[in-house]
Amino acid sequence: MSSTMKEKLDSIVSDAVSRLAEAQDPDALNTVRVDILGKKGQLKELMKGMKDVAAEDRPKIGQMVNEARDRVTELIEKRKKEIDLEVMNARMAAETIDVTLPAKKAEIGHPHPNQIALEELERIFVGMGYEVIEGPEIEWDEYNFTKLNIPPNHPAKDEQDTFYINKDIVLRTQTSPVQARRMEQGKLPIRMISPGRVFRSDEVDATHSPSFHQVEGLVVDKNITFADLKGTLDKFAKEVFGPDTKTKFRPHHFPFTEPSAEMDVSCFKCGGKGCRFCKGEGWIEILGCGMVHPHVLEMCGIDPNEYTGFAFGVGLERIALLKYEIDDMRLLYENDARFLKQF
């Protein structure tokens, strides 16, 4: 019986040797392990015949089975190391690195001209005691128009100029709604700017876009006059365009303000003499402004007999175009790194 058992064990070991030699990956190796050493493997099946072995022969047969198991385990571990080495060598060959080559240059982004201009505007006005407040881009019609003294029949509410989600909700056409929301809170005095993206139904060309950015400012306090407005915006213009910049205010009309004005700055290219940049006029239109309309103050719960204020709004793209002498607004939205790195 012992000789027969030995022959069977030798056959199992021999089978393991041949199968392991053919195994080329960890899955094939595991299959051999399970077939021979597993719970339903060949050695387990062989051990079931131990009940028919004479008692005096069982220790010897048991030793022979253990030796066979150890031998197969040793062969599997050896083949595993060989396969791991083959896999590593193949990977090394496929992933060869030439350490003498220069390293790949990391691509680093560049601040956008709009962002550069915005940070400069925020620095200027924060330095004058203003706070920066942002608001929702999807706005109620009431805040975008009604609370800014824009009546239902006003041309600005025409669907040709405004993106309506429904009759009560719009994509904001200005950042002034943020000012109305702030005034409603009743925390006076107010000194704030509200930068952000706005939307109007404009055709895309060198000077227009359906989506652009504005920075609007608001001051509400006791005894605020138009002189405060002029002094603030004159300081702003000199900070942005240079200390020699002059400002000029022309009467205008905005529903939100009364009186209202357009502000021009002297051409920073020719000093006001007239050139191609300013179209020979010596002046460049820069923003709209005015004293906050008393009715707007009333609608926001502020007594116009006790408080007054001024407001202004400037297109962020316009500042960037003028400051960096860019002649086509569309260049700002192409995100061409070659263009952006100039600024």
Protein backbone atom coordinates (compact mmCIF):
# COMPACT_ATOMS: atom_id res chain seq x y z
CA MET A 1 0.00 0.00 0.00
CA SER A 2 2.84 2.40 0.85
CA SER A 3 4.47 1.81 -2.56
CA THR A 4 1.19 2.53 -4.34
CA MET A 5 0.71 5.74 -2.32
CA LYS A 6 4.28 6.80 -3.08
CA GLU A 7 3.67 6.30 -6.80
CA LYS A 8 0.53 8.45 -6.62
CA LEU A 9 2.37 11.20 -4.73
CA ASP A 10 5.25 11.10 -7.19
CA SER A 11 2.72 11.42 -10.01
CA ILE A 12 1.11 14.47 -8.36
CA VAL A 13 4.52 16.15 -7.88
CA SER A 14 5.51 15.33 -11.46
CA ASP A 15 2.21 16.77 -12.73
CA ALA A 16 2.81 19.94 -10.69
CA VAL A 17 6.31 20.34 -12.17
CA SER A 18 5.05 20.13 -15.75
CA ARG A 19 2.07 22.41 -15.18
CA LEU A 20 4.15 25.02 -13.34
CA ALA A 21 6.64 25.08 -16.18
CA GLU A 22 3.78 26.04 -18.52
CA ALA A 23 2.27 28.65 -16.18
CA GLN A 24 2.97 32.18 -17.51
CA ASP A 25 0.95 34.40 -15.17
CA PRO A 26 -0.33 34.54 -11.57
CA ASP A 27 -3.78 33.21 -12.58
CA ALA A 28 -2.32 30.02 -14.06
CA LEU A 29 -0.15 29.63 -10.96
CA ASN A 30 -3.17 29.93 -8.69
CA THR A 31 -5.04 27.30 -10.70
CA VAL A 32 -2.21 24.79 -10.06
CA ARG A 33 -2.23 25.67 -6.35
CA VAL A 34 -5.99 25.09 -6.02
CA ASP A 35 -5.96 21.85 -8.06
CA ILE A 36 -3.24 20.25 -5.92
CA LEU A 37 -3.28 21.94 -2.50
CA GLY A 38 -6.86 23.22 -2.30
CA LYS A 39 -9.68 21.87 -0.14
CA LYS A 40 -10.84 19.70 -3.05
CA GLY A 41 -7.36 19.25 -4.49
CA GLN A 42 -5.52 16.09 -5.41
CA LEU A 43 -3.73 15.76 -2.07
CA LYS A 44 -6.98 16.10 -0.10
CA GLU A 45 -8.58 13.43 -2.28
CA LEU A 46 -5.60 11.17 -1.72
CA MET A 47 -5.81 11.63 2.04
CA LYS A 48 -9.36 10.27 2.01
CA GLY A 49 -7.83 6.85 1.30
CA MET A 50 -5.93 6.88 4.63
CA LYS A 51 -8.81 5.03 6.29
CA ASP A 52 -7.87 1.97 4.27
CA VAL A 53 -4.21 2.13 5.31
CA ALA A 54 -2.99 -0.13 8.07
CA ALA A 55 -2.47 1.67 11.37
CA GLU A 56 1.24 0.95 11.48
CA ASP A 57 1.71 2.43 7.96
CA ARG A 58 -0.22 5.67 8.53
CA PRO A 59 2.65 7.69 10.08
CA LYS A 60 4.91 6.83 7.16
CA ILE A 61 2.18 7.65 4.59
CA GLY A 62 1.41 10.91 6.42
CA GLN A 63 5.07 11.91 6.25
CA MET A 64 5.16 11.14 2.52
CA VAL A 65 2.04 13.33 1.95
CA ASN A 66 3.57 16.22 3.92
CA GLU A 67 6.81 15.96 1.95
CA ALA A 68 4.83 16.01 -1.30
CA ARG A 69 2.84 19.08 -0.11
CA ASP A 70 6.03 20.89 0.92
CA ARG A 71 7.64 20.04 -2.41
CA VAL A 72 4.68 21.34 -4.43
CA THR A 73 4.50 24.51 -2.28
CA GLU A 74 8.22 25.11 -2.82
CA LEU A 75 7.83 24.66 -6.59
CA ILE A 76 4.88 27.11 -6.67
CA GLU A 77 6.79 29.77 -4.70
CA LYS A 78 9.81 29.37 -6.92
CA ARG A 79 7.73 29.72 -10.08
CA LYS A 80 5.94 32.74 -8.60
CA LYS A 81 9.25 34.54 -8.12
CA GLU A 82 10.23 33.70 -11.69
CA ILE A 83 6.93 35.03 -13.07
CA ASP A 84 7.18 38.22 -10.95
CA LEU A 85 10.68 38.80 -12.29
CA GLU A 86 9.53 38.25 -15.88
CA VAL A 87 6.64 40.71 -15.40
CA MET A 88 8.95 43.30 -13.87
CA ASN A 89 11.53 42.91 -16.66
CA ALA A 90 8.81 43.29 -19.28
CA ARG A 91 7.52 46.43 -17.58
CA MET A 92 11.02 47.84 -17.24
CA ALA A 93 11.59 47.28 -20.94
CA ALA A 94 8.32 48.98 -21.83
CA GLU A 95 8.82 51.90 -19.45
CA THR A 96 12.44 52.68 -20.12
CA ILE A 97 13.35 56.18 -18.95
CA ASP A 98 16.29 58.04 -20.37
CA VAL A 99 17.52 59.98 -17.34
CA THR A 100 19.76 62.09 -19.58
CA LEU A 101 16.72 63.71 -21.27
CA PRO A 102 15.57 67.11 -19.94
CA ALA A 103 12.48 67.02 -17.72
CA LYS A 104 9.11 67.92 -19.17
CA LYS A 105 8.29 71.55 -18.52
CA ALA A 106 5.27 72.06 -16.28
CA GLU A 107 2.60 74.20 -17.95
CA ILE A 108 1.68 77.02 -15.60
CA GLY A 109 -1.40 79.16 -16.18
CA HIS A 110 -1.53 82.95 -16.22
CA PRO A 111 -3.95 85.44 -14.63
CA HIS A 112 -6.69 86.60 -17.01
CA PRO A 113 -6.74 90.32 -17.92
CA ASN A 114 -10.25 90.53 -16.43
CA GLN A 115 -9.00 89.05 -13.16
CA ILE A 116 -6.00 91.40 -13.09
CA ALA A 117 -8.30 94.40 -13.65
CA LEU A 118 -10.80 93.19 -11.03
CA GLU A 119 -8.13 92.70 -8.38
CA GLU A 120 -6.87 96.22 -9.07
CA LEU A 121 -10.37 97.71 -8.76
CA GLU A 122 -11.01 95.80 -5.54
CA ARG A 123 -7.68 97.00 -4.14
CA ILE A 124 -8.56 100.61 -4.94
CA PHE A 125 -12.04 100.59 -3.43
CA VAL A 126 -11.22 98.39 -0.42
CA GLY A 127 -8.48 100.93 0.26
CA MET A 128 -11.22 103.59 0.39
CA GLY A 129 -13.24 101.59 2.93
CA TYR A 130 -15.59 99.71 0.60
CA GLU A 131 -16.63 96.09 1.06
CA VAL A 132 -16.94 93.59 -1.79
CA ILE A 133 -20.36 91.88 -2.00
CA GLU A 134 -21.52 89.33 -4.56
CA GLY A 135 -25.03 88.16 -5.42
CA PRO A 136 -26.96 85.62 -7.54
CA GLU A 137 -26.63 85.62 -11.33
CA ILE A 138 -30.20 84.31 -11.66
CA GLU A 139 -32.32 87.11 -10.24
CA TRP A 140 -35.93 88.09 -9.54
CA ASP A 141 -37.38 90.59 -12.00
CA GLU A 142 -38.36 92.67 -8.96
CA TYR A 143 -34.74 93.17 -7.90
CA ASN A 144 -33.30 93.45 -11.41
CA PHE A 145 -35.82 96.09 -12.53
CA THR A 146 -38.64 97.18 -10.18
CA LYS A 147 -36.54 98.03 -7.13
CA LEU A 148 -34.15 99.94 -9.41
CA ASN A 149 -36.97 102.25 -10.52
CA ILE A 150 -37.32 100.58 -13.93
CA PRO A 151 -41.07 100.43 -14.76
CA PRO A 152 -42.75 97.49 -16.55
CA ASN A 153 -42.82 99.29 -19.91
CA HIS A 154 -39.15 100.32 -19.86
CA PRO A 155 -37.17 99.36 -23.02
CA ALA A 156 -34.50 97.63 -20.90
CA LYS A 157 -37.07 94.96 -20.00
CA ASP A 158 -37.63 94.06 -23.64
CA GLU A 159 -36.90 90.42 -24.40
CA GLN A 160 -34.47 91.60 -27.07
CA ASP A 161 -32.18 92.84 -24.28
CA THR A 162 -32.97 90.49 -21.38
CA PHE A 163 -32.82 86.72 -20.98
CA TYR A 164 -36.06 85.70 -19.25
CA ILE A 165 -36.34 82.31 -17.53
CA ASN A 166 -40.01 83.06 -16.85
CA LYS A 167 -41.96 86.27 -16.34
CA ASP A 168 -40.59 86.68 -12.81
CA ILE A 169 -37.00 85.39 -13.13
CA VAL A 170 -34.20 86.71 -15.38
CA LEU A 171 -30.48 86.37 -15.90
CA ARG A 172 -29.40 89.61 -14.29
CA THR A 173 -28.59 92.43 -16.70
CA GLN A 174 -26.48 94.32 -14.13
CA THR A 175 -25.10 93.80 -10.63
CA SER A 176 -27.32 96.58 -9.20
CA PRO A 177 -29.72 93.99 -7.69
CA VAL A 178 -26.96 93.22 -5.19
CA GLN A 179 -27.12 96.87 -4.11
CA ALA A 180 -30.90 96.70 -3.66
CA ARG A 181 -30.55 93.54 -1.56
CA ARG A 182 -27.91 95.23 0.58
CA MET A 183 -30.03 98.37 1.11
CA GLU A 184 -33.01 96.23 2.16
CA GLN A 185 -30.98 94.91 5.09
CA GLY A 186 -31.04 98.42 6.59
CA LYS A 187 -27.45 98.26 7.82
CA LEU A 188 -26.30 101.84 7.27
CA PRO A 189 -24.03 103.43 6.21
CA ILE A 190 -23.20 101.45 3.05
CA ARG A 191 -19.95 101.52 1.10
CA MET A 192 -19.77 98.59 -1.29
CA ILE A 193 -18.83 97.36 -4.74
CA SER A 194 -20.57 94.40 -6.41
CA PRO A 195 -18.52 92.68 -9.12
CA GLY A 196 -19.94 89.83 -11.16
CA ARG A 197 -21.10 88.35 -14.44
CA VAL A 198 -24.15 89.80 -16.19
CA PHE A 199 -26.15 88.83 -19.28
CA ARG A 200 -27.74 90.76 -22.13
CA SER A 201 -29.07 89.62 -25.47
CA ASP A 202 -26.30 91.15 -27.58
CA GLU A 203 -24.71 89.85 -30.74
CA VAL A 204 -21.05 88.84 -30.35
CA ASP A 205 -18.65 91.31 -31.95
CA ALA A 206 -15.46 93.21 -31.10
CA THR A 207 -17.19 95.29 -28.39
CA HIS A 208 -20.23 93.21 -27.33
CA SER A 209 -20.95 89.85 -25.74
CA PRO A 210 -24.11 88.24 -24.31
CA SER A 211 -22.12 87.51 -21.14
CA PHE A 212 -19.72 90.01 -19.62
CA HIS A 213 -18.71 91.45 -16.23
CA GLN A 214 -19.58 94.59 -14.32
CA VAL A 215 -18.36 96.26 -11.18
CA GLU A 216 -20.97 98.52 -9.59
CA GLY A 217 -20.50 100.69 -6.53
CA LEU A 218 -22.88 102.15 -3.95
CA VAL A 219 -22.51 104.59 -1.07
CA VAL A 220 -25.44 105.49 1.20
CA ASP A 221 -24.95 107.73 4.21
CA LYS A 222 -26.03 111.06 5.65
CA ASN A 223 -24.99 114.21 3.76
CA ILE A 224 -23.62 112.41 0.67
CA THR A 225 -23.43 114.81 -2.31
CA PHE A 226 -22.44 114.73 -5.97
CA ALA A 227 -19.10 116.20 -4.88
CA ASP A 228 -18.39 112.95 -2.99
CA LEU A 229 -19.19 111.00 -6.16
CA LYS A 230 -16.87 113.13 -8.30
CA GLY A 231 -14.02 112.95 -5.81
CA THR A 232 -14.32 109.16 -5.46
CA LEU A 233 -14.40 108.48 -9.21
CA ASP A 234 -11.62 110.98 -9.90
CA LYS A 235 -9.43 109.12 -7.40
CA PHE A 236 -10.40 105.81 -9.01
CA ALA A 237 -9.49 107.06 -12.52
CA LYS A 238 -6.09 108.33 -11.40
CA GLU A 239 -5.29 105.01 -9.70
CA VAL A 240 -6.20 102.99 -12.79
CA PHE A 241 -4.96 105.15 -15.65
CA GLY A 242 -2.24 107.27 -14.04
CA PRO A 243 -1.94 110.36 -11.81
CA ASP A 244 -2.24 112.81 -14.72
CA THR A 245 -5.68 111.51 -15.73
CA LYS A 246 -8.45 114.10 -15.84
CA THR A 247 -12.17 113.35 -15.54
CA LYS A 248 -15.22 114.93 -17.15
CA PHE A 249 -18.88 114.41 -16.25
CA ARG A 250 -21.65 114.74 -18.87
CA PRO A 251 -25.38 114.83 -18.01
CA HIS A 252 -27.17 111.57 -18.77
CA HIS A 253 -30.23 109.58 -17.66
CA PHE A 254 -30.43 106.37 -15.66
CA PRO A 255 -33.67 105.27 -13.90
CA PHE A 256 -31.67 104.24 -10.83
CA THR A 257 -30.05 107.65 -10.27
CA GLU A 258 -31.06 111.33 -10.36
CA PRO A 259 -29.13 113.36 -11.37
CA SER A 260 -27.15 111.00 -13.58
CA ALA A 261 -23.94 111.38 -15.57
CA GLU A 262 -21.50 109.65 -17.88
CA MET A 263 -17.87 110.00 -16.85
CA ASP A 264 -15.05 110.39 -19.37
CA VAL A 265 -11.32 110.22 -18.70
CA SER A 266 -8.64 112.04 -20.59
CA CYS A 267 -6.90 109.81 -23.14
CA PHE A 268 -3.91 108.25 -21.43
CA LYS A 269 -2.22 107.67 -24.81
CA CYS A 270 -2.12 111.29 -26.02
CA GLY A 271 -2.84 113.16 -22.80
CA GLY A 272 -6.05 114.63 -24.25
CA LYS A 273 -4.55 116.00 -27.47
CA GLY A 274 -6.45 113.60 -29.71
CA CYS A 275 -5.21 110.38 -31.31
CA ARG A 276 -6.39 107.18 -33.00
CA PHE A 277 -6.99 105.52 -29.63
CA CYS A 278 -9.50 108.17 -28.49
CA LYS A 279 -10.77 108.78 -32.06
CA GLY A 280 -9.35 112.29 -32.02
CA GLU A 281 -11.56 113.47 -29.16
CA GLY A 282 -9.02 113.45 -26.34
CA TRP A 283 -11.57 111.81 -24.03
CA ILE A 284 -12.70 108.20 -23.46
CA GLU A 285 -16.10 107.27 -22.02
CA ILE A 286 -15.54 105.05 -19.02
CA LEU A 287 -18.64 104.60 -16.81
CA GLY A 288 -22.11 105.75 -15.76
CA CYS A 289 -22.97 107.19 -12.36
CA GLY A 290 -25.30 109.43 -10.38
CA MET A 291 -27.04 110.12 -7.09
CA VAL A 292 -29.31 107.28 -5.94
CA HIS A 293 -32.92 108.10 -6.86
CA PRO A 294 -35.02 108.91 -3.74
CA HIS A 295 -37.71 106.45 -4.87
CA VAL A 296 -35.11 103.65 -4.93
CA LEU A 297 -34.15 104.47 -1.36
CA GLU A 298 -37.84 104.43 -0.33
CA MET A 299 -38.48 101.03 -1.99
CA CYS A 300 -35.55 99.60 -0.04
CA GLY A 301 -36.80 101.00 3.28
CA ILE A 302 -34.39 103.95 3.58
CA ASP A 303 -35.66 107.46 4.40
CA PRO A 304 -34.51 109.74 1.51
CA ASN A 305 -34.98 112.80 3.72
CA GLU A 306 -32.30 111.52 6.09
CA TYR A 307 -30.00 109.56 3.77
CA THR A 308 -28.57 110.15 0.31
CA GLY A 309 -26.15 108.16 -1.79
CA PHE A 310 -24.40 107.72 -5.08
CA ALA A 311 -23.91 104.76 -7.40
CA PHE A 312 -21.74 103.94 -10.39
CA GLY A 313 -21.19 101.05 -12.76
CA VAL A 314 -18.25 100.15 -14.96
CA GLY A 315 -17.74 97.28 -17.38
CA LEU A 316 -14.80 95.18 -16.28
CA GLU A 317 -13.98 94.17 -19.86
CA ARG A 318 -13.94 97.85 -20.84
CA ILE A 319 -11.34 98.60 -18.19
CA ALA A 320 -9.21 95.65 -19.36
CA LEU A 321 -9.57 96.62 -23.04
CA LEU A 322 -8.55 100.21 -22.37
CA LYS A 323 -5.81 99.55 -19.83
CA TYR A 324 -4.10 96.89 -21.96
CA GLU A 325 -4.99 98.40 -25.35
CA ILE A 326 -6.87 95.33 -26.58
CA ASP A 327 -8.93 96.09 -29.68
CA ASP A 328 -11.23 93.04 -29.73
CA MET A 329 -13.28 91.91 -26.74
CA ARG A 330 -13.49 88.35 -28.12
CA LEU A 331 -9.79 87.84 -27.42
CA LEU A 332 -10.61 87.85 -23.70
CA TYR A 333 -12.76 84.73 -24.03
CA GLU A 334 -10.53 82.53 -26.20
CA ASN A 335 -8.18 81.59 -23.33
CA ASP A 336 -5.17 81.43 -25.62
CA ALA A 337 -2.15 81.24 -23.30
CA ARG A 338 -0.02 83.06 -25.87
CA PHE A 339 -2.38 86.02 -25.59
CA LEU A 340 -2.87 85.91 -21.82
CA LYS A 341 0.87 85.81 -21.03
CA GLN A 342 1.28 89.30 -22.47
CA PHE A 343 -0.33 90.86 -19.40
